[in-house]
């Protein structure tokens, strides 16, 4: 694979991790992140989410929720999700704190608000290299079924980007063909490192 990819959602739990897992299994050079202030997972009610700091190991979250209510968190898919996440990497990471990880060629986001935050963050960084980075938003609802569909679509898009001689020259055509075939709109922007 010729490009380095980042998958970004709000909490680095569901959408970004599903895509990270699939791309990693296919041999892509991929990392994943969240843009939120904290990692939020569903709780017993909407007003009682489970909140963790970025960097808290997925295994710790798994053990914590299994201790609290194993049936609830198994039924709603949170425990299997955390188990999958722990097999991909140790802990959720925050996008805004990733400068030490180097640069990415392509960044996928799964929510317009996250797309805006990634662009804003890149625009505030020192542009030392003046290396282009493609940011693509594929809107994906934050549930397990949609995350699986979004990850498959992301994989398809990454394959198209990899096949291109240069994504800078062909991104408009790739996006138009994807939108026509998948009937899903994409947002994209080009920024710099």
N, C-alpha and C. Protein backbone atom coordinates (compact mmCIF):
# COMPACT_ATOMS: atom_id res chain seq x y z
N UNK A 1 0.84 -1.18 0.00
CA UNK A 1 0.00 0.00 0.00
C UNK A 1 0.89 1.24 0.00
N UNK A 2 0.49 2.22 -0.80
CA UNK A 2 1.36 3.39 -0.93
C UNK A 2 0.99 4.56 -0.03
N UNK A 3 -0.19 4.52 0.60
CA UNK A 3 -0.63 5.64 1.43
C UNK A 3 -0.81 5.23 2.88
N UNK A 4 -0.75 6.25 3.75
CA UNK A 4 -1.00 6.06 5.18
C UNK A 4 -2.36 6.69 5.50
N UNK A 5 -3.20 5.92 6.18
CA UNK A 5 -4.59 6.31 6.41
C UNK A 5 -4.87 6.52 7.90
N UNK A 6 -5.79 7.46 8.18
CA UNK A 6 -6.32 7.65 9.53
C UNK A 6 -7.83 7.57 9.45
N UNK A 7 -8.44 6.86 10.40
CA UNK A 7 -9.90 6.75 10.53
C UNK A 7 -10.28 7.54 11.78
N UNK A 8 -11.24 8.46 11.65
CA UNK A 8 -11.55 9.34 12.78
C UNK A 8 -13.05 9.44 12.99
N UNK A 9 -13.48 9.15 14.23
CA UNK A 9 -14.87 9.40 14.63
C UNK A 9 -14.81 10.20 15.94
N UNK A 10 -15.86 10.20 16.70
CA UNK A 10 -15.88 11.03 17.90
C UNK A 10 -15.11 10.41 19.08
N UNK A 11 -15.34 9.11 19.34
CA UNK A 11 -14.75 8.48 20.52
C UNK A 11 -13.72 7.39 20.23
N UNK A 12 -13.40 7.13 18.96
CA UNK A 12 -12.45 6.08 18.57
C UNK A 12 -12.90 4.73 19.15
N UNK A 13 -14.19 4.46 18.95
CA UNK A 13 -14.77 3.22 19.49
C UNK A 13 -15.43 2.37 18.42
N UNK A 14 -16.37 2.94 17.68
CA UNK A 14 -17.24 2.15 16.81
C UNK A 14 -16.88 2.32 15.34
N UNK A 15 -17.20 3.49 14.78
CA UNK A 15 -17.03 3.70 13.34
C UNK A 15 -15.57 3.68 12.91
N UNK A 16 -14.73 4.44 13.60
CA UNK A 16 -13.31 4.47 13.23
C UNK A 16 -12.63 3.13 13.49
N UNK A 17 -13.03 2.44 14.55
CA UNK A 17 -12.39 1.17 14.88
C UNK A 17 -12.84 0.04 13.96
N UNK A 18 -14.09 0.06 13.52
CA UNK A 18 -14.55 -0.95 12.57
C UNK A 18 -13.77 -0.81 11.27
N UNK A 19 -13.62 0.43 10.79
CA UNK A 19 -12.85 0.67 9.57
C UNK A 19 -11.37 0.33 9.78
N UNK A 20 -10.82 0.71 10.93
CA UNK A 20 -9.42 0.41 11.26
C UNK A 20 -9.20 -1.11 11.23
N UNK A 21 -10.10 -1.85 11.85
CA UNK A 21 -9.99 -3.30 11.92
C UNK A 21 -9.97 -3.94 10.53
N UNK A 22 -10.90 -3.53 9.68
CA UNK A 22 -10.99 -4.10 8.33
C UNK A 22 -9.76 -3.73 7.50
N UNK A 23 -9.40 -2.46 7.50
CA UNK A 23 -8.25 -2.03 6.71
C UNK A 23 -6.95 -2.68 7.18
N UNK A 24 -6.79 -2.79 8.49
CA UNK A 24 -5.59 -3.44 9.04
C UNK A 24 -5.53 -4.89 8.57
N UNK A 25 -6.67 -5.59 8.59
CA UNK A 25 -6.70 -7.00 8.18
C UNK A 25 -6.38 -7.15 6.68
N UNK A 26 -6.58 -6.08 5.91
CA UNK A 26 -6.30 -6.12 4.47
C UNK A 26 -4.90 -5.60 4.13
N UNK A 27 -4.11 -5.28 5.16
CA UNK A 27 -2.73 -4.88 4.94
C UNK A 27 -2.48 -3.40 4.77
N UNK A 28 -3.50 -2.57 5.04
CA UNK A 28 -3.33 -1.12 4.91
C UNK A 28 -2.54 -0.57 6.10
N UNK A 29 -1.80 0.52 5.87
CA UNK A 29 -1.11 1.24 6.93
C UNK A 29 -2.13 2.22 7.51
N UNK A 30 -2.73 1.86 8.63
CA UNK A 30 -3.88 2.61 9.14
C UNK A 30 -3.78 2.82 10.64
N UNK A 31 -4.28 3.98 11.08
CA UNK A 31 -4.41 4.32 12.50
C UNK A 31 -5.82 4.85 12.70
N UNK A 32 -6.22 5.02 13.95
CA UNK A 32 -7.56 5.56 14.20
C UNK A 32 -7.55 6.46 15.42
N UNK A 33 -8.54 7.37 15.43
CA UNK A 33 -8.60 8.41 16.46
C UNK A 33 -10.04 8.83 16.72
N UNK A 34 -10.21 9.62 17.79
CA UNK A 34 -11.47 10.29 18.08
C UNK A 34 -11.19 11.77 18.27
N UNK A 35 -12.22 12.60 18.12
CA UNK A 35 -12.03 14.04 18.27
C UNK A 35 -12.71 14.61 19.51
N UNK A 36 -13.46 13.79 20.23
CA UNK A 36 -14.21 14.29 21.38
C UNK A 36 -13.30 14.69 22.54
N UNK A 37 -13.90 15.31 23.54
CA UNK A 37 -13.15 15.67 24.74
C UNK A 37 -12.90 14.43 25.59
N UNK A 38 -13.84 13.50 25.55
CA UNK A 38 -13.76 12.24 26.30
C UNK A 38 -14.32 11.12 25.42
N UNK A 39 -14.08 9.91 25.85
CA UNK A 39 -14.67 8.74 25.21
C UNK A 39 -16.01 8.49 25.89
N UNK A 40 -17.07 8.46 25.08
CA UNK A 40 -18.41 8.23 25.65
C UNK A 40 -18.99 6.95 25.07
N UNK A 41 -19.44 6.08 25.96
CA UNK A 41 -20.12 4.85 25.57
C UNK A 41 -21.52 4.85 26.18
N UNK A 42 -22.48 4.22 25.50
CA UNK A 42 -23.84 4.20 26.04
C UNK A 42 -23.86 3.61 27.46
N UNK A 43 -24.75 4.17 28.26
CA UNK A 43 -24.93 3.68 29.62
C UNK A 43 -26.33 3.11 29.79
N UNK A 44 -26.78 2.98 31.03
CA UNK A 44 -28.11 2.43 31.27
C UNK A 44 -29.25 3.33 30.75
N UNK A 45 -28.95 4.63 30.57
CA UNK A 45 -29.92 5.56 29.97
C UNK A 45 -29.14 6.61 29.19
N UNK A 46 -29.87 7.40 28.38
CA UNK A 46 -29.21 8.45 27.59
C UNK A 46 -28.50 9.47 28.48
N UNK A 47 -29.07 9.71 29.67
CA UNK A 47 -28.49 10.70 30.58
C UNK A 47 -27.34 10.14 31.42
N UNK A 48 -27.07 8.83 31.28
CA UNK A 48 -26.02 8.22 32.09
C UNK A 48 -25.00 7.48 31.21
N UNK A 49 -24.29 8.21 30.34
CA UNK A 49 -23.29 7.52 29.52
C UNK A 49 -22.10 7.08 30.38
N UNK A 50 -21.35 6.15 29.89
CA UNK A 50 -20.08 5.77 30.51
C UNK A 50 -19.02 6.64 29.86
N UNK A 51 -18.29 7.39 30.68
CA UNK A 51 -17.31 8.35 30.17
C UNK A 51 -15.91 7.94 30.64
N UNK A 52 -14.99 7.91 29.69
CA UNK A 52 -13.60 7.55 29.98
C UNK A 52 -12.68 8.58 29.34
N UNK A 53 -11.48 8.66 29.85
CA UNK A 53 -10.46 9.51 29.22
C UNK A 53 -9.87 8.78 28.03
N UNK A 54 -9.45 9.54 27.00
CA UNK A 54 -8.67 8.94 25.92
C UNK A 54 -7.41 8.34 26.55
N UNK A 55 -6.99 7.21 26.05
CA UNK A 55 -5.83 6.52 26.61
C UNK A 55 -6.21 5.44 27.60
N UNK A 56 -7.48 5.41 28.03
CA UNK A 56 -7.95 4.33 28.90
C UNK A 56 -8.01 3.06 28.06
N UNK A 57 -7.31 1.99 28.46
CA UNK A 57 -7.30 0.78 27.63
C UNK A 57 -8.70 0.22 27.39
N UNK A 58 -8.90 -0.28 26.18
CA UNK A 58 -10.19 -0.92 25.85
C UNK A 58 -10.48 -2.06 26.82
N UNK A 59 -9.45 -2.79 27.23
CA UNK A 59 -9.65 -3.91 28.16
C UNK A 59 -10.19 -3.40 29.50
N UNK A 60 -9.70 -2.26 29.95
CA UNK A 60 -10.19 -1.68 31.21
C UNK A 60 -11.69 -1.33 31.08
N UNK A 61 -12.07 -0.73 29.93
CA UNK A 61 -13.48 -0.40 29.71
C UNK A 61 -14.33 -1.67 29.68
N UNK A 62 -13.83 -2.69 28.99
CA UNK A 62 -14.52 -3.98 28.90
C UNK A 62 -14.75 -4.53 30.30
N UNK A 63 -13.71 -4.60 31.11
CA UNK A 63 -13.82 -5.15 32.47
C UNK A 63 -14.76 -4.32 33.33
N UNK A 64 -14.69 -3.00 33.19
CA UNK A 64 -15.54 -2.09 33.97
C UNK A 64 -17.03 -2.31 33.63
N UNK A 65 -17.35 -2.37 32.35
CA UNK A 65 -18.75 -2.53 31.94
C UNK A 65 -19.25 -3.94 32.22
N UNK A 66 -18.39 -4.93 32.09
CA UNK A 66 -18.79 -6.30 32.41
C UNK A 66 -19.11 -6.42 33.89
N UNK A 67 -18.38 -5.70 34.70
CA UNK A 67 -18.63 -5.69 36.14
C UNK A 67 -19.96 -4.98 36.46
N UNK A 68 -20.24 -3.87 35.75
CA UNK A 68 -21.45 -3.07 36.01
C UNK A 68 -22.74 -3.79 35.62
N UNK A 69 -22.81 -4.30 34.39
CA UNK A 69 -24.04 -4.93 33.90
C UNK A 69 -23.73 -5.77 32.66
N UNK A 70 -23.23 -6.98 32.85
CA UNK A 70 -22.77 -7.78 31.69
C UNK A 70 -23.87 -8.05 30.67
N UNK A 71 -25.10 -8.27 31.13
CA UNK A 71 -26.19 -8.57 30.19
C UNK A 71 -26.51 -7.37 29.30
N UNK A 72 -26.63 -6.19 29.90
CA UNK A 72 -26.94 -4.98 29.15
C UNK A 72 -25.87 -4.72 28.09
N UNK A 73 -24.60 -4.75 28.49
CA UNK A 73 -23.52 -4.37 27.58
C UNK A 73 -23.19 -5.46 26.56
N UNK A 74 -23.60 -6.68 26.84
CA UNK A 74 -23.47 -7.72 25.82
C UNK A 74 -24.61 -7.56 24.81
N UNK A 75 -25.82 -7.32 25.32
CA UNK A 75 -27.01 -7.18 24.47
C UNK A 75 -26.89 -5.99 23.51
N UNK A 76 -26.38 -4.87 24.00
CA UNK A 76 -26.28 -3.70 23.13
C UNK A 76 -25.01 -3.67 22.29
N UNK A 77 -24.21 -4.72 22.37
CA UNK A 77 -23.04 -4.85 21.49
C UNK A 77 -21.78 -4.15 21.96
N UNK A 78 -21.81 -3.52 23.13
CA UNK A 78 -20.65 -2.76 23.60
C UNK A 78 -19.49 -3.69 23.99
N UNK A 79 -19.79 -4.79 24.70
CA UNK A 79 -18.71 -5.70 25.10
C UNK A 79 -18.03 -6.35 23.88
N UNK A 80 -18.80 -6.87 22.91
CA UNK A 80 -18.11 -7.41 21.71
C UNK A 80 -17.30 -6.34 20.96
N UNK A 81 -17.82 -5.11 20.91
CA UNK A 81 -17.10 -4.02 20.25
C UNK A 81 -15.77 -3.75 20.96
N UNK A 82 -15.79 -3.68 22.28
CA UNK A 82 -14.57 -3.41 23.04
C UNK A 82 -13.57 -4.55 22.89
N UNK A 83 -14.07 -5.77 22.82
CA UNK A 83 -13.19 -6.93 22.62
C UNK A 83 -12.50 -6.83 21.25
N UNK A 84 -13.27 -6.47 20.22
CA UNK A 84 -12.69 -6.26 18.89
C UNK A 84 -11.65 -5.15 18.93
N UNK A 85 -11.99 -4.03 19.58
CA UNK A 85 -11.08 -2.89 19.65
C UNK A 85 -9.75 -3.28 20.29
N UNK A 86 -9.82 -4.04 21.39
CA UNK A 86 -8.60 -4.43 22.11
C UNK A 86 -7.71 -5.32 21.25
N UNK A 87 -8.30 -6.03 20.29
CA UNK A 87 -7.50 -6.87 19.38
C UNK A 87 -6.82 -6.03 18.30
N UNK A 88 -7.29 -4.79 18.10
CA UNK A 88 -6.72 -3.91 17.06
C UNK A 88 -5.62 -3.01 17.63
N UNK A 89 -5.89 -2.43 18.81
CA UNK A 89 -4.89 -1.58 19.48
C UNK A 89 -5.22 -1.49 20.96
N UNK A 90 -4.36 -0.88 21.74
CA UNK A 90 -4.51 -0.89 23.20
C UNK A 90 -5.60 0.03 23.73
N UNK A 91 -5.67 1.26 23.20
CA UNK A 91 -6.55 2.26 23.79
C UNK A 91 -6.97 3.30 22.75
N UNK A 92 -8.11 3.98 22.98
CA UNK A 92 -8.51 5.05 22.07
C UNK A 92 -7.53 6.22 22.15
N UNK A 93 -7.32 6.85 20.99
CA UNK A 93 -6.41 7.99 20.91
C UNK A 93 -7.17 9.20 20.39
N UNK A 94 -6.73 10.37 20.82
CA UNK A 94 -7.39 11.61 20.43
C UNK A 94 -6.65 12.22 19.23
N UNK A 95 -7.42 12.58 18.19
CA UNK A 95 -6.84 13.14 16.96
C UNK A 95 -5.97 14.36 17.26
N UNK A 96 -6.48 15.26 18.09
CA UNK A 96 -5.79 16.53 18.34
C UNK A 96 -4.45 16.32 19.05
N UNK A 97 -4.22 15.13 19.59
CA UNK A 97 -2.97 14.84 20.30
C UNK A 97 -2.06 13.91 19.51
N UNK A 98 -2.27 13.79 18.18
CA UNK A 98 -1.55 12.77 17.40
C UNK A 98 -0.33 13.29 16.65
N UNK A 99 0.08 14.51 16.86
CA UNK A 99 1.17 15.10 16.06
C UNK A 99 2.42 14.22 16.05
N UNK A 100 2.71 13.55 17.14
CA UNK A 100 3.90 12.70 17.22
C UNK A 100 3.79 11.45 16.36
N UNK A 101 2.58 11.13 15.90
CA UNK A 101 2.36 9.94 15.08
C UNK A 101 2.79 10.14 13.63
N UNK A 102 3.22 11.33 13.27
CA UNK A 102 3.61 11.60 11.89
C UNK A 102 2.43 12.07 11.06
N UNK A 103 2.60 12.04 9.74
CA UNK A 103 1.55 12.56 8.88
C UNK A 103 0.81 11.42 8.20
N UNK A 104 -0.39 11.75 7.72
CA UNK A 104 -1.22 10.81 6.97
C UNK A 104 -1.45 11.36 5.57
N UNK A 105 -1.63 10.45 4.63
CA UNK A 105 -1.95 10.86 3.27
C UNK A 105 -3.44 11.07 3.10
N UNK A 106 -4.23 10.22 3.76
CA UNK A 106 -5.69 10.25 3.63
C UNK A 106 -6.31 10.08 5.01
N UNK A 107 -7.26 10.96 5.34
CA UNK A 107 -7.98 10.88 6.61
C UNK A 107 -9.46 10.70 6.29
N UNK A 108 -10.07 9.66 6.86
CA UNK A 108 -11.51 9.45 6.73
C UNK A 108 -12.19 9.83 8.03
N UNK A 109 -13.27 10.61 7.91
CA UNK A 109 -14.12 10.89 9.06
C UNK A 109 -15.50 10.32 8.76
N UNK A 110 -16.31 10.15 9.81
CA UNK A 110 -17.59 9.49 9.65
C UNK A 110 -18.76 10.33 10.16
N UNK A 111 -18.49 11.62 10.30
CA UNK A 111 -19.50 12.56 10.79
C UNK A 111 -19.02 13.96 10.41
N UNK A 112 -19.92 14.80 9.92
CA UNK A 112 -19.51 16.12 9.43
C UNK A 112 -18.84 16.96 10.52
N UNK A 113 -19.34 16.87 11.74
CA UNK A 113 -18.75 17.63 12.85
C UNK A 113 -17.28 17.20 13.06
N UNK A 114 -17.02 15.91 12.95
CA UNK A 114 -15.65 15.39 13.10
C UNK A 114 -14.78 15.86 11.93
N UNK A 115 -15.33 15.82 10.72
CA UNK A 115 -14.65 16.34 9.52
C UNK A 115 -14.21 17.78 9.74
N UNK A 116 -15.13 18.61 10.23
CA UNK A 116 -14.81 20.03 10.49
C UNK A 116 -13.71 20.17 11.54
N UNK A 117 -13.76 19.33 12.58
CA UNK A 117 -12.75 19.41 13.65
C UNK A 117 -11.37 19.00 13.15
N UNK A 118 -11.31 17.98 12.30
CA UNK A 118 -10.03 17.54 11.74
C UNK A 118 -9.43 18.65 10.87
N UNK A 119 -10.26 19.25 10.01
CA UNK A 119 -9.77 20.33 9.15
C UNK A 119 -9.30 21.51 9.99
N UNK A 120 -10.10 21.88 10.98
CA UNK A 120 -9.71 22.99 11.86
C UNK A 120 -8.38 22.69 12.55
N UNK A 121 -8.22 21.48 13.05
CA UNK A 121 -6.98 21.11 13.72
C UNK A 121 -5.79 21.17 12.77
N UNK A 122 -5.95 20.60 11.57
CA UNK A 122 -4.85 20.64 10.60
C UNK A 122 -4.48 22.08 10.22
N UNK A 123 -5.48 22.94 10.14
CA UNK A 123 -5.23 24.35 9.78
C UNK A 123 -4.49 25.11 10.87
N UNK A 124 -4.55 24.64 12.12
CA UNK A 124 -3.87 25.33 13.21
C UNK A 124 -2.46 24.81 13.45
N UNK A 125 -2.10 23.70 12.81
CA UNK A 125 -0.76 23.13 12.98
C UNK A 125 0.25 23.91 12.13
N UNK A 126 1.51 23.81 12.52
CA UNK A 126 2.59 24.39 11.71
C UNK A 126 2.73 23.55 10.45
N UNK A 127 2.65 24.17 9.30
CA UNK A 127 2.76 23.46 8.03
C UNK A 127 4.22 23.39 7.60
N UNK A 128 4.95 22.50 8.25
CA UNK A 128 6.38 22.39 8.03
C UNK A 128 6.68 21.73 6.69
N UNK A 129 5.98 20.64 6.38
CA UNK A 129 6.30 19.86 5.19
C UNK A 129 5.60 20.36 3.93
N UNK A 130 4.46 21.04 4.11
CA UNK A 130 3.59 21.43 2.99
C UNK A 130 3.23 20.20 2.16
N UNK A 131 2.97 19.11 2.86
CA UNK A 131 2.56 17.86 2.23
C UNK A 131 1.04 17.80 2.24
N UNK A 132 0.44 17.46 1.10
CA UNK A 132 -1.02 17.44 1.03
C UNK A 132 -1.58 16.23 1.77
N UNK A 133 -2.77 16.43 2.32
CA UNK A 133 -3.53 15.37 2.97
C UNK A 133 -4.98 15.49 2.50
N UNK A 134 -5.55 14.38 2.10
CA UNK A 134 -6.94 14.32 1.67
C UNK A 134 -7.79 13.95 2.87
N UNK A 135 -8.84 14.75 3.13
CA UNK A 135 -9.79 14.46 4.20
C UNK A 135 -11.13 14.17 3.56
N UNK A 136 -11.68 12.99 3.83
CA UNK A 136 -12.94 12.55 3.23
C UNK A 136 -13.93 12.26 4.35
N UNK A 137 -15.14 12.78 4.23
CA UNK A 137 -16.19 12.44 5.19
C UNK A 137 -17.23 11.55 4.54
N UNK A 138 -17.42 10.38 5.13
CA UNK A 138 -18.47 9.45 4.75
C UNK A 138 -19.41 9.40 5.95
N UNK A 139 -20.59 9.99 5.81
CA UNK A 139 -21.52 10.07 6.93
C UNK A 139 -22.01 8.67 7.30
N UNK A 140 -21.79 8.26 8.56
CA UNK A 140 -22.17 6.94 9.04
C UNK A 140 -22.84 7.09 10.40
N UNK A 141 -24.06 6.55 10.54
CA UNK A 141 -24.73 6.57 11.85
C UNK A 141 -23.92 5.76 12.84
N UNK A 142 -23.94 6.19 14.10
CA UNK A 142 -23.12 5.55 15.13
C UNK A 142 -23.86 4.36 15.74
N UNK A 143 -24.02 3.30 14.93
CA UNK A 143 -24.51 2.03 15.46
C UNK A 143 -23.71 0.92 14.79
N UNK A 144 -23.79 -0.29 15.33
CA UNK A 144 -22.90 -1.37 14.88
C UNK A 144 -23.16 -1.77 13.43
N UNK A 145 -24.42 -1.80 13.02
CA UNK A 145 -24.75 -2.20 11.64
C UNK A 145 -24.21 -1.18 10.64
N UNK A 146 -24.47 0.10 10.90
CA UNK A 146 -23.99 1.16 10.00
C UNK A 146 -22.46 1.25 9.99
N UNK A 147 -21.85 1.01 11.15
CA UNK A 147 -20.39 1.04 11.21
C UNK A 147 -19.79 -0.04 10.31
N UNK A 148 -20.42 -1.21 10.26
CA UNK A 148 -19.94 -2.30 9.40
C UNK A 148 -20.09 -1.92 7.93
N UNK A 149 -21.22 -1.31 7.57
CA UNK A 149 -21.42 -0.86 6.19
C UNK A 149 -20.42 0.24 5.85
N UNK A 150 -20.26 1.20 6.75
CA UNK A 150 -19.32 2.30 6.53
C UNK A 150 -17.89 1.81 6.36
N UNK A 151 -17.51 0.81 7.13
CA UNK A 151 -16.16 0.27 7.03
C UNK A 151 -15.94 -0.39 5.66
N UNK A 152 -16.94 -1.13 5.18
CA UNK A 152 -16.83 -1.77 3.86
C UNK A 152 -16.71 -0.71 2.76
N UNK A 153 -17.54 0.35 2.86
CA UNK A 153 -17.48 1.43 1.87
C UNK A 153 -16.14 2.16 1.93
N UNK A 154 -15.61 2.34 3.13
CA UNK A 154 -14.31 2.98 3.30
C UNK A 154 -13.22 2.13 2.65
N UNK A 155 -13.28 0.83 2.87
CA UNK A 155 -12.33 -0.09 2.24
C UNK A 155 -12.39 0.03 0.72
N UNK A 156 -13.61 0.07 0.17
CA UNK A 156 -13.78 0.22 -1.29
C UNK A 156 -13.13 1.52 -1.77
N UNK A 157 -13.38 2.61 -1.05
CA UNK A 157 -12.79 3.90 -1.42
C UNK A 157 -11.27 3.89 -1.33
N UNK A 158 -10.76 3.28 -0.28
CA UNK A 158 -9.30 3.19 -0.13
C UNK A 158 -8.68 2.41 -1.28
N UNK A 159 -9.34 1.36 -1.72
CA UNK A 159 -8.84 0.59 -2.86
C UNK A 159 -8.79 1.46 -4.12
N UNK A 160 -9.83 2.26 -4.32
CA UNK A 160 -9.85 3.16 -5.49
C UNK A 160 -8.72 4.19 -5.40
N UNK A 161 -8.50 4.73 -4.22
CA UNK A 161 -7.44 5.72 -4.02
C UNK A 161 -6.07 5.07 -4.27
N UNK A 162 -5.90 3.85 -3.78
CA UNK A 162 -4.64 3.13 -4.00
C UNK A 162 -4.39 2.85 -5.48
N UNK A 163 -5.46 2.54 -6.23
CA UNK A 163 -5.32 2.22 -7.66
C UNK A 163 -4.94 3.45 -8.50
N UNK A 164 -5.29 4.61 -8.00
CA UNK A 164 -5.04 5.84 -8.76
C UNK A 164 -3.53 6.12 -8.84
N UNK A 165 -3.12 6.61 -9.97
CA UNK A 165 -1.73 7.01 -10.16
C UNK A 165 -1.38 8.09 -9.13
N UNK A 166 -2.31 9.04 -8.97
CA UNK A 166 -2.14 10.14 -8.01
C UNK A 166 -3.54 10.58 -7.58
N UNK A 167 -3.84 10.48 -6.28
CA UNK A 167 -5.19 10.86 -5.86
C UNK A 167 -5.46 12.34 -6.13
N UNK A 168 -4.42 13.17 -6.09
CA UNK A 168 -4.62 14.61 -6.35
C UNK A 168 -5.23 14.85 -7.73
N UNK A 169 -4.86 14.02 -8.71
CA UNK A 169 -5.35 14.20 -10.08
C UNK A 169 -6.70 13.55 -10.32
N UNK A 170 -7.07 12.56 -9.50
CA UNK A 170 -8.27 11.77 -9.81
C UNK A 170 -9.35 11.78 -8.73
N UNK A 171 -9.15 12.52 -7.65
CA UNK A 171 -10.10 12.44 -6.54
C UNK A 171 -11.51 12.85 -6.96
N UNK A 172 -11.64 13.85 -7.82
CA UNK A 172 -12.99 14.26 -8.26
C UNK A 172 -13.69 13.11 -8.95
N UNK A 173 -13.00 12.41 -9.84
CA UNK A 173 -13.60 11.27 -10.55
C UNK A 173 -13.92 10.12 -9.60
N UNK A 174 -13.02 9.85 -8.64
CA UNK A 174 -13.26 8.78 -7.66
C UNK A 174 -14.52 9.09 -6.86
N UNK A 175 -14.66 10.33 -6.40
CA UNK A 175 -15.82 10.72 -5.60
C UNK A 175 -17.11 10.64 -6.42
N UNK A 176 -17.10 11.16 -7.63
CA UNK A 176 -18.30 11.12 -8.48
C UNK A 176 -18.74 9.69 -8.74
N UNK A 177 -17.79 8.81 -9.06
CA UNK A 177 -18.13 7.41 -9.33
C UNK A 177 -18.67 6.74 -8.07
N UNK A 178 -18.07 7.01 -6.91
CA UNK A 178 -18.53 6.43 -5.64
C UNK A 178 -19.95 6.89 -5.33
N UNK A 179 -20.20 8.20 -5.42
CA UNK A 179 -21.52 8.74 -5.09
C UNK A 179 -22.59 8.17 -6.02
N UNK A 180 -22.27 8.02 -7.29
CA UNK A 180 -23.23 7.49 -8.25
C UNK A 180 -23.52 6.01 -7.95
N UNK A 181 -22.49 5.25 -7.68
CA UNK A 181 -22.63 3.81 -7.46
C UNK A 181 -23.26 3.50 -6.10
N UNK A 182 -22.83 4.21 -5.05
CA UNK A 182 -23.29 3.92 -3.68
C UNK A 182 -24.49 4.77 -3.24
N UNK A 183 -24.81 5.80 -4.00
CA UNK A 183 -25.89 6.73 -3.64
C UNK A 183 -25.67 7.32 -2.24
N UNK A 184 -24.43 7.68 -1.98
CA UNK A 184 -24.07 8.34 -0.72
C UNK A 184 -23.20 9.54 -1.06
N UNK A 185 -23.47 10.66 -0.43
CA UNK A 185 -22.68 11.87 -0.66
C UNK A 185 -21.42 11.83 0.19
N UNK A 186 -20.37 12.34 -0.38
CA UNK A 186 -19.10 12.49 0.34
C UNK A 186 -18.75 13.96 0.42
N UNK A 187 -18.13 14.35 1.50
CA UNK A 187 -17.50 15.66 1.59
C UNK A 187 -16.00 15.39 1.53
N UNK A 188 -15.26 16.26 0.88
CA UNK A 188 -13.81 16.10 0.94
C UNK A 188 -13.13 17.45 0.83
N UNK A 189 -11.92 17.46 1.35
CA UNK A 189 -11.14 18.68 1.38
C UNK A 189 -9.67 18.29 1.32
N UNK A 190 -8.85 19.22 0.92
CA UNK A 190 -7.40 18.97 0.89
C UNK A 190 -6.75 19.98 1.83
N UNK A 191 -5.90 19.47 2.72
CA UNK A 191 -5.20 20.33 3.65
C UNK A 191 -3.71 20.03 3.54
N UNK A 192 -2.93 20.53 4.48
CA UNK A 192 -1.47 20.37 4.42
C UNK A 192 -0.90 20.03 5.79
N UNK A 193 0.25 19.37 5.76
CA UNK A 193 1.06 19.14 6.96
C UNK A 193 2.26 20.06 6.87
